[in-house]
Amino acid sequence: MDQIRILCYGDSNTWGYVSGSNHERYGNQERWTKILSELLGNEFEVIEEGLNSRTLISNDTRPGKEGKNGYEYLIPCLDTHDPIDLVILMLGTNELKSTYNKTSIEIGKLLEEYFVKVILNRKSQIKDNYPRLLLITPPLVNEDTDYCKANNKYLGATQKSKELNNIYKDIAEKYNCYFLSNNELLTGVDGVHLTEDSHRKLAELLNAKIKDIFKNRVL
């Protein structure tokens, strides 16, 4: 039986950014995508597609930050890794930055129009199937940290990120997708990036959920 292929599409929290560091990355024993792969076993293939500063549709104008628009790379990414059985999508944190001036409702609409609809309707060119989709609400932002308060980088993001839980859940229900809340996902000293413990917790939650989704296909 072919492996069940899972694409993890996200930002720095999928890439494995170490909270409070200068672009350090959690290792293979610490990053949730790699831990998930170990937990799931050989019946599954976990594909990492995390990118620091990845947005939904916003273009990062800072020098050296080209290519961060998540929508522009979405279809090429889906086609690159075709066939895909499940997409795990955890995006939206970077859209909370003050510079993009987005409400939580606007973020939800962008996720729905540019990601949920696209993923669910991107038919495989190899098999007669479409990807399933699991939405994860990004972790709650703690805007009171020095990192978030610098230049008011994440002003108002705490409340907005709380609101995203219900918004993402409603979208998942509307499109018959799977959903995981951010209730157990804690950020570290910078208030944005997951702690090492939360990486493991996320992997464990996803392991149980994914094995239930594909219980009829796993021996």
C-alpha atoms as a PDB file:
ATOM      1  CA  MET A   1       0.000   0.000   0.000  1.00  0.00           C
ATOM      2  CA  ASP A   2       1.253   3.478  -0.876  1.00  0.00           C
ATOM      3  CA  GLN A   3       2.224   5.783   1.966  1.00  0.00           C
ATOM      4  CA  ILE A   4      -0.361   8.345   3.054  1.00  0.00           C
ATOM      5  CA  ARG A   5       1.149  11.681   2.061  1.00  0.00           C
ATOM      6  CA  ILE A   6       0.697  14.666   4.387  1.00  0.00           C
ATOM      7  CA  LEU A   7       1.733  18.201   3.422  1.00  0.00           C
ATOM      8  CA  CYS A   8       2.387  20.606   6.322  1.00  0.00           C
ATOM      9  CA  TYR A   9       1.998  24.132   4.934  1.00  0.00           C
ATOM     10  CA  GLY A  10       2.744  26.974   7.313  1.00  0.00           C
ATOM     11  CA  ASP A  11       5.029  29.719   8.551  1.00  0.00           C
ATOM     12  CA  SER A  12       7.858  29.855  11.099  1.00  0.00           C
ATOM     13  CA  ASN A  13       5.916  27.697  13.548  1.00  0.00           C
ATOM     14  CA  THR A  14       5.954  24.919  10.966  1.00  0.00           C
ATOM     15  CA  TRP A  15       9.570  25.662  10.009  1.00  0.00           C
ATOM     16  CA  GLY A  16      10.481  25.281  13.690  1.00  0.00           C
ATOM     17  CA  TYR A  17      11.686  28.744  14.741  1.00  0.00           C
ATOM     18  CA  VAL A  18      13.092  28.709  18.285  1.00  0.00           C
ATOM     19  CA  SER A  19      11.274  31.331  20.349  1.00  0.00           C
ATOM     20  CA  GLY A  20      13.496  34.285  21.232  1.00  0.00           C
ATOM     21  CA  SER A  21      16.377  33.135  19.049  1.00  0.00           C
ATOM     22  CA  ASN A  22      18.132  34.732  16.104  1.00  0.00           C
ATOM     23  CA  HIS A  23      16.678  32.452  13.427  1.00  0.00           C
ATOM     24  CA  GLU A  24      17.599  29.195  15.119  1.00  0.00           C
ATOM     25  CA  ARG A  25      15.610  26.105  14.215  1.00  0.00           C
ATOM     26  CA  TYR A  26      14.439  23.246  16.384  1.00  0.00           C
ATOM     27  CA  GLY A  27      16.145  19.987  15.431  1.00  0.00           C
ATOM     28  CA  ASN A  28      14.626  16.808  14.091  1.00  0.00           C
ATOM     29  CA  GLN A  29      13.943  15.511  17.598  1.00  0.00           C
ATOM     30  CA  GLU A  30      12.171  18.728  18.634  1.00  0.00           C
ATOM     31  CA  ARG A  31      10.241  20.042  15.615  1.00  0.00           C
ATOM     32  CA  TRP A  32       6.575  19.034  15.474  1.00  0.00           C
ATOM     33  CA  THR A  33       6.673  17.935  11.849  1.00  0.00           C
ATOM     34  CA  LYS A  34       9.562  15.535  12.461  1.00  0.00           C
ATOM     35  CA  ILE A  35       8.098  14.261  15.725  1.00  0.00           C
ATOM     36  CA  LEU A  36       4.793  13.671  13.932  1.00  0.00           C
ATOM     37  CA  SER A  37       6.549  11.657  11.257  1.00  0.00           C
ATOM     38  CA  GLU A  38       8.115   9.427  13.907  1.00  0.00           C
ATOM     39  CA  LEU A  39       4.813   8.958  15.721  1.00  0.00           C
ATOM     40  CA  LEU A  40       2.850   8.141  12.584  1.00  0.00           C
ATOM     41  CA  GLY A  41       5.297   5.537  11.353  1.00  0.00           C
ATOM     42  CA  ASN A  42       6.105   4.110   7.963  1.00  0.00           C
ATOM     43  CA  GLU A  43       2.535   4.139   6.654  1.00  0.00           C
ATOM     44  CA  PHE A  44       2.781   7.929   6.365  1.00  0.00           C
ATOM     45  CA  GLU A  45       5.036  10.473   4.681  1.00  0.00           C
ATOM     46  CA  VAL A  46       5.157  13.923   6.298  1.00  0.00           C
ATOM     47  CA  ILE A  47       6.251  16.729   3.962  1.00  0.00           C
ATOM     48  CA  GLU A  48       7.579  19.921   5.586  1.00  0.00           C
ATOM     49  CA  GLU A  49       6.667  23.204   3.892  1.00  0.00           C
ATOM     50  CA  GLY A  50       7.200  25.806   6.609  1.00  0.00           C
ATOM     51  CA  LEU A  51       8.601  29.239   5.746  1.00  0.00           C
ATOM     52  CA  ASN A  52       9.562  32.058   8.102  1.00  0.00           C
ATOM     53  CA  SER A  53       7.372  35.175   7.701  1.00  0.00           C
ATOM     54  CA  ARG A  54       4.957  33.404   5.338  1.00  0.00           C
ATOM     55  CA  THR A  55       1.698  35.336   5.072  1.00  0.00           C
ATOM     56  CA  LEU A  56      -1.656  34.536   3.521  1.00  0.00           C
ATOM     57  CA  ILE A  57      -1.591  37.040   0.660  1.00  0.00           C
ATOM     58  CA  SER A  58       0.473  39.988   1.952  1.00  0.00           C
ATOM     59  CA  ASN A  59       3.850  40.830   0.441  1.00  0.00           C
ATOM     60  CA  ASP A  60       6.642  41.483   2.929  1.00  0.00           C
ATOM     61  CA  THR A  61       8.455  44.603   1.703  1.00  0.00           C
ATOM     62  CA  ARG A  62      11.521  44.196   3.917  1.00  0.00           C
ATOM     63  CA  PRO A  63      14.812  43.564   2.111  1.00  0.00           C
ATOM     64  CA  GLY A  64      15.492  39.866   1.720  1.00  0.00           C
ATOM     65  CA  LYS A  65      11.892  38.898   2.461  1.00  0.00           C
ATOM     66  CA  GLU A  66      10.759  38.124  -1.056  1.00  0.00           C
ATOM     67  CA  GLY A  67       8.513  35.129  -1.675  1.00  0.00           C
ATOM     68  CA  LYS A  68       6.611  35.230   1.615  1.00  0.00           C
ATOM     69  CA  ASN A  69       3.148  35.431   0.015  1.00  0.00           C
ATOM     70  CA  GLY A  70       1.685  32.053   0.886  1.00  0.00           C
ATOM     71  CA  TYR A  71      -0.996  32.063  -1.777  1.00  0.00           C
ATOM     72  CA  GLU A  72       1.444  32.654  -4.625  1.00  0.00           C
ATOM     73  CA  TYR A  73       3.334  29.468  -3.769  1.00  0.00           C
ATOM     74  CA  LEU A  74       0.343  27.342  -2.763  1.00  0.00           C
ATOM     75  CA  ILE A  75      -0.604  25.811  -6.117  1.00  0.00           C
ATOM     76  CA  PRO A  76       3.013  25.162  -7.201  1.00  0.00           C
ATOM     77  CA  CYS A  77       3.552  23.515  -3.816  1.00  0.00           C
ATOM     78  CA  LEU A  78       0.470  21.326  -4.133  1.00  0.00           C
ATOM     79  CA  ASP A  79       1.503  20.257  -7.607  1.00  0.00           C
ATOM     80  CA  THR A  80       5.120  19.659  -6.584  1.00  0.00           C
ATOM     81  CA  HIS A  81       4.104  17.167  -3.919  1.00  0.00           C
ATOM     82  CA  ASP A  82       1.185  15.620  -5.813  1.00  0.00           C
ATOM     83  CA  PRO A  83      -0.412  13.276  -4.865  1.00  0.00           C
ATOM     84  CA  ILE A  84      -1.368  14.605  -1.436  1.00  0.00           C
ATOM     85  CA  ASP A  85      -3.815  12.864   0.865  1.00  0.00           C
ATOM     86  CA  LEU A  86      -3.984  15.520   3.583  1.00  0.00           C
ATOM     87  CA  VAL A  87      -2.898  19.148   3.884  1.00  0.00           C
ATOM     88  CA  ILE A  88      -2.227  20.475   7.384  1.00  0.00           C
ATOM     89  CA  LEU A  89      -2.578  24.256   7.213  1.00  0.00           C
ATOM     90  CA  MET A  90      -1.430  26.550  10.031  1.00  0.00           C
ATOM     91  CA  LEU A  91      -1.232  30.123   8.756  1.00  0.00           C
ATOM     92  CA  GLY A  92      -2.411  33.563   9.824  1.00  0.00           C
ATOM     93  CA  THR A  93       0.047  34.726  12.491  1.00  0.00           C
ATOM     94  CA  ASN A  94       2.013  37.022  10.202  1.00  0.00           C
ATOM     95  CA  GLU A  95      -1.167  38.638   8.921  1.00  0.00           C
ATOM     96  CA  LEU A  96      -1.702  39.808  12.518  1.00  0.00           C
ATOM     97  CA  LYS A  97       1.250  42.173  12.225  1.00  0.00           C
ATOM     98  CA  SER A  98       0.264  45.815  12.528  1.00  0.00           C
ATOM     99  CA  THR A  99       1.818  46.617   9.167  1.00  0.00           C
ATOM    100  CA  TYR A 100      -0.815  44.523   7.354  1.00  0.00           C
ATOM    101  CA  ASN A 101      -3.743  46.086   9.255  1.00  0.00           C
ATOM    102  CA  LYS A 102      -6.069  43.065   9.066  1.00  0.00           C
ATOM    103  CA  THR A 103      -8.978  42.195  11.334  1.00  0.00           C
ATOM    104  CA  SER A 104      -9.529  38.617  12.461  1.00  0.00           C
ATOM    105  CA  ILE A 105     -12.612  38.448  10.230  1.00  0.00           C
ATOM    106  CA  GLU A 106     -10.582  39.590   7.226  1.00  0.00           C
ATOM    107  CA  ILE A 107      -7.936  36.972   7.978  1.00  0.00           C
ATOM    108  CA  GLY A 108     -10.617  34.298   8.089  1.00  0.00           C
ATOM    109  CA  LYS A 109     -12.022  35.393   4.739  1.00  0.00           C
ATOM    110  CA  LEU A 110      -8.569  35.311   3.170  1.00  0.00           C
ATOM    111  CA  LEU A 111      -7.963  31.827   4.530  1.00  0.00           C
ATOM    112  CA  GLU A 112     -11.288  30.644   3.162  1.00  0.00           C
ATOM    113  CA  GLU A 113     -11.024  32.162  -0.312  1.00  0.00           C
ATOM    114  CA  TYR A 114      -7.328  31.751  -1.076  1.00  0.00           C
ATOM    115  CA  PHE A 115      -6.503  28.532   0.760  1.00  0.00           C
ATOM    116  CA  VAL A 116      -9.437  26.370   1.812  1.00  0.00           C
ATOM    117  CA  LYS A 117     -11.267  26.582  -1.504  1.00  0.00           C
ATOM    118  CA  VAL A 118      -8.075  26.199  -3.517  1.00  0.00           C
ATOM    119  CA  ILE A 119      -6.760  23.187  -1.602  1.00  0.00           C
ATOM    120  CA  LEU A 120     -10.050  21.302  -1.573  1.00  0.00           C
ATOM    121  CA  ASN A 121     -10.532  21.824  -5.305  1.00  0.00           C
ATOM    122  CA  ARG A 122      -6.981  21.043  -6.471  1.00  0.00           C
ATOM    123  CA  LYS A 123      -7.478  17.623  -8.032  1.00  0.00           C
ATOM    124  CA  SER A 124      -4.468  15.359  -8.210  1.00  0.00           C
ATOM    125  CA  GLN A 125      -2.921  15.011 -11.646  1.00  0.00           C
ATOM    126  CA  ILE A 126      -1.858  11.470 -10.747  1.00  0.00           C
ATOM    127  CA  LYS A 127      -4.789  10.002  -8.849  1.00  0.00           C
ATOM    128  CA  ASP A 128      -8.527  10.519  -9.007  1.00  0.00           C
ATOM    129  CA  ASN A 129      -8.757  12.339  -5.716  1.00  0.00           C
ATOM    130  CA  TYR A 130      -8.589  15.698  -3.949  1.00  0.00           C
ATOM    131  CA  PRO A 131      -6.633  16.504  -0.771  1.00  0.00           C
ATOM    132  CA  ARG A 132      -8.349  16.506   2.570  1.00  0.00           C
ATOM    133  CA  LEU A 133      -7.677  19.517   4.774  1.00  0.00           C
ATOM    134  CA  LEU A 134      -6.908  19.952   8.462  1.00  0.00           C
ATOM    135  CA  LEU A 135      -6.943  23.530   9.765  1.00  0.00           C
ATOM    136  CA  ILE A 136      -4.916  24.484  12.829  1.00  0.00           C
ATOM    137  CA  THR A 137      -5.476  27.827  14.494  1.00  0.00           C
ATOM    138  CA  PRO A 138      -2.095  29.536  14.951  1.00  0.00           C
ATOM    139  CA  PRO A 139      -0.983  29.956  18.580  1.00  0.00           C
ATOM    140  CA  LEU A 140      -2.205  32.890  20.634  1.00  0.00           C
ATOM    141  CA  VAL A 141       0.101  35.879  20.298  1.00  0.00           C
ATOM    142  CA  ASN A 142       1.303  37.498  23.523  1.00  0.00           C
ATOM    143  CA  GLU A 143       1.697  41.092  22.403  1.00  0.00           C
ATOM    144  CA  ASP A 144       3.177  42.129  25.765  1.00  0.00           C
ATOM    145  CA  THR A 145       6.618  40.683  25.040  1.00  0.00           C
ATOM    146  CA  ASP A 146       9.522  42.925  24.048  1.00  0.00           C
ATOM    147  CA  TYR A 147       9.588  41.257  20.631  1.00  0.00           C
ATOM    148  CA  CYS A 148       5.941  42.044  19.918  1.00  0.00           C
ATOM    149  CA  LYS A 149       6.032  45.545  21.416  1.00  0.00           C
ATOM    150  CA  ALA A 150       9.008  46.637  19.317  1.00  0.00           C
ATOM    151  CA  ASN A 151       7.593  49.217  16.885  1.00  0.00           C
ATOM    152  CA  ASN A 152       4.125  48.005  17.918  1.00  0.00           C
ATOM    153  CA  LYS A 153       4.773  45.010  15.669  1.00  0.00           C
ATOM    154  CA  TYR A 154       1.810  42.987  16.931  1.00  0.00           C
ATOM    155  CA  LEU A 155      -0.433  45.691  18.395  1.00  0.00           C
ATOM    156  CA  GLY A 156      -3.874  44.205  19.050  1.00  0.00           C
ATOM    157  CA  ALA A 157      -2.788  40.715  17.951  1.00  0.00           C
ATOM    158  CA  THR A 158      -3.645  38.956  21.214  1.00  0.00           C
ATOM    159  CA  GLN A 159      -7.378  39.564  20.912  1.00  0.00           C
ATOM    160  CA  LYS A 160      -7.378  38.928  17.181  1.00  0.00           C
ATOM    161  CA  SER A 161      -5.598  35.606  17.568  1.00  0.00           C
ATOM    162  CA  LYS A 162      -8.155  34.579  20.207  1.00  0.00           C
ATOM    163  CA  GLU A 163     -10.935  35.355  17.759  1.00  0.00           C
ATOM    164  CA  LEU A 164      -9.324  33.226  15.067  1.00  0.00           C
ATOM    165  CA  ASN A 165     -10.129  30.037  16.984  1.00  0.00           C
ATOM    166  CA  ASN A 166     -13.875  30.318  16.414  1.00  0.00           C
ATOM    167  CA  ILE A 167     -13.401  31.748  12.916  1.00  0.00           C
ATOM    168  CA  TYR A 168     -11.196  28.862  11.783  1.00  0.00           C
ATOM    169  CA  LYS A 169     -13.485  26.334  13.457  1.00  0.00           C
ATOM    170  CA  ASP A 170     -16.500  27.748  11.614  1.00  0.00           C
ATOM    171  CA  ILE A 171     -14.637  27.594   8.289  1.00  0.00           C
ATOM    172  CA  ALA A 172     -13.647  23.979   8.926  1.00  0.00           C
ATOM    173  CA  GLU A 173     -17.252  23.042   9.665  1.00  0.00           C
ATOM    174  CA  LYS A 174     -18.522  24.913   6.610  1.00  0.00           C
ATOM    175  CA  TYR A 175     -16.245  22.981   4.262  1.00  0.00           C
ATOM    176  CA  ASN A 176     -16.278  19.655   6.111  1.00  0.00           C
ATOM    177  CA  CYS A 177     -12.600  19.951   7.025  1.00  0.00           C
ATOM    178  CA  TYR A 178     -10.781  18.737  10.100  1.00  0.00           C
ATOM    179  CA  PHE A 179      -9.866  21.225  12.821  1.00  0.00           C
ATOM    180  CA  LEU A 180      -7.457  21.631  15.713  1.00  0.00           C
ATOM    181  CA  SER A 181      -7.666  24.601  18.073  1.00  0.00           C
ATOM    182  CA  ASN A 182      -4.722  26.477  19.569  1.00  0.00           C
ATOM    183  CA  ASN A 183      -5.893  25.890  23.139  1.00  0.00           C
ATOM    184  CA  GLU A 184      -2.865  23.786  24.088  1.00  0.00           C
ATOM    185  CA  LEU A 185      -0.278  25.594  21.962  1.00  0.00           C
ATOM    186  CA  LEU A 186       1.868  27.919  24.073  1.00  0.00           C
ATOM    187  CA  THR A 187       4.362  30.472  22.798  1.00  0.00           C
ATOM    188  CA  GLY A 188       7.778  31.162  24.290  1.00  0.00           C
ATOM    189  CA  VAL A 189       9.606  34.316  25.344  1.00  0.00           C
ATOM    190  CA  ASP A 190       8.900  36.228  22.132  1.00  0.00           C
ATOM    191  CA  GLY A 191       5.134  35.648  22.345  1.00  0.00           C
ATOM    192  CA  VAL A 192       4.852  34.331  18.771  1.00  0.00           C
ATOM    193  CA  HIS A 193       6.783  31.085  18.369  1.00  0.00           C
ATOM    194  CA  LEU A 194       5.885  27.752  19.926  1.00  0.00           C
ATOM    195  CA  THR A 195       7.785  26.357  22.879  1.00  0.00           C
ATOM    196  CA  GLU A 196       9.589  23.051  22.512  1.00  0.00           C
ATOM    197  CA  ASP A 197       6.944  21.413  24.707  1.00  0.00           C
ATOM    198  CA  SER A 198       4.216  22.769  22.443  1.00  0.00           C
ATOM    199  CA  HIS A 199       5.936  21.323  19.384  1.00  0.00           C
ATOM    200  CA  ARG A 200       5.714  17.881  20.967  1.00  0.00           C
ATOM    201  CA  LYS A 201       2.158  18.458  22.168  1.00  0.00           C
ATOM    202  CA  LEU A 202       1.061  19.507  18.670  1.00  0.00           C
ATOM    203  CA  ALA A 203       2.668  16.413  17.169  1.00  0.00           C
ATOM    204  CA  GLU A 204       0.896  14.177  19.676  1.00  0.00           C
ATOM    205  CA  LEU A 205      -2.487  15.790  19.039  1.00  0.00           C
ATOM    206  CA  LEU A 206      -2.039  15.494  15.290  1.00  0.00           C
ATOM    207  CA  ASN A 207      -0.864  11.899  15.541  1.00  0.00           C
ATOM    208  CA  ALA A 208      -4.098  10.863  17.232  1.00  0.00           C
ATOM    209  CA  LYS A 209      -6.253  12.908  14.879  1.00  0.00           C
ATOM    210  CA  ILE A 210      -4.568  11.715  11.678  1.00  0.00           C
ATOM    211  CA  LYS A 211      -4.658   8.053  12.672  1.00  0.00           C
ATOM    212  CA  ASP A 212      -8.373   8.434  13.317  1.00  0.00           C
ATOM    213  CA  ILE A 213      -8.899  10.138   9.925  1.00  0.00           C
ATOM    214  CA  PHE A 214      -7.143   7.326   8.076  1.00  0.00           C
ATOM    215  CA  LYS A 215      -8.044   4.427  10.357  1.00  0.00           C
ATOM    216  CA  ASN A 216      -9.600   2.496   7.488  1.00  0.00           C
ATOM    217  CA  ARG A 217      -6.419   2.766   5.402  1.00  0.00           C
ATOM    218  CA  VAL A 218      -3.816   1.867   8.023  1.00  0.00           C
ATOM    219  CA  LEU A 219      -3.154  -1.796   8.699  1.00  0.00           C
END
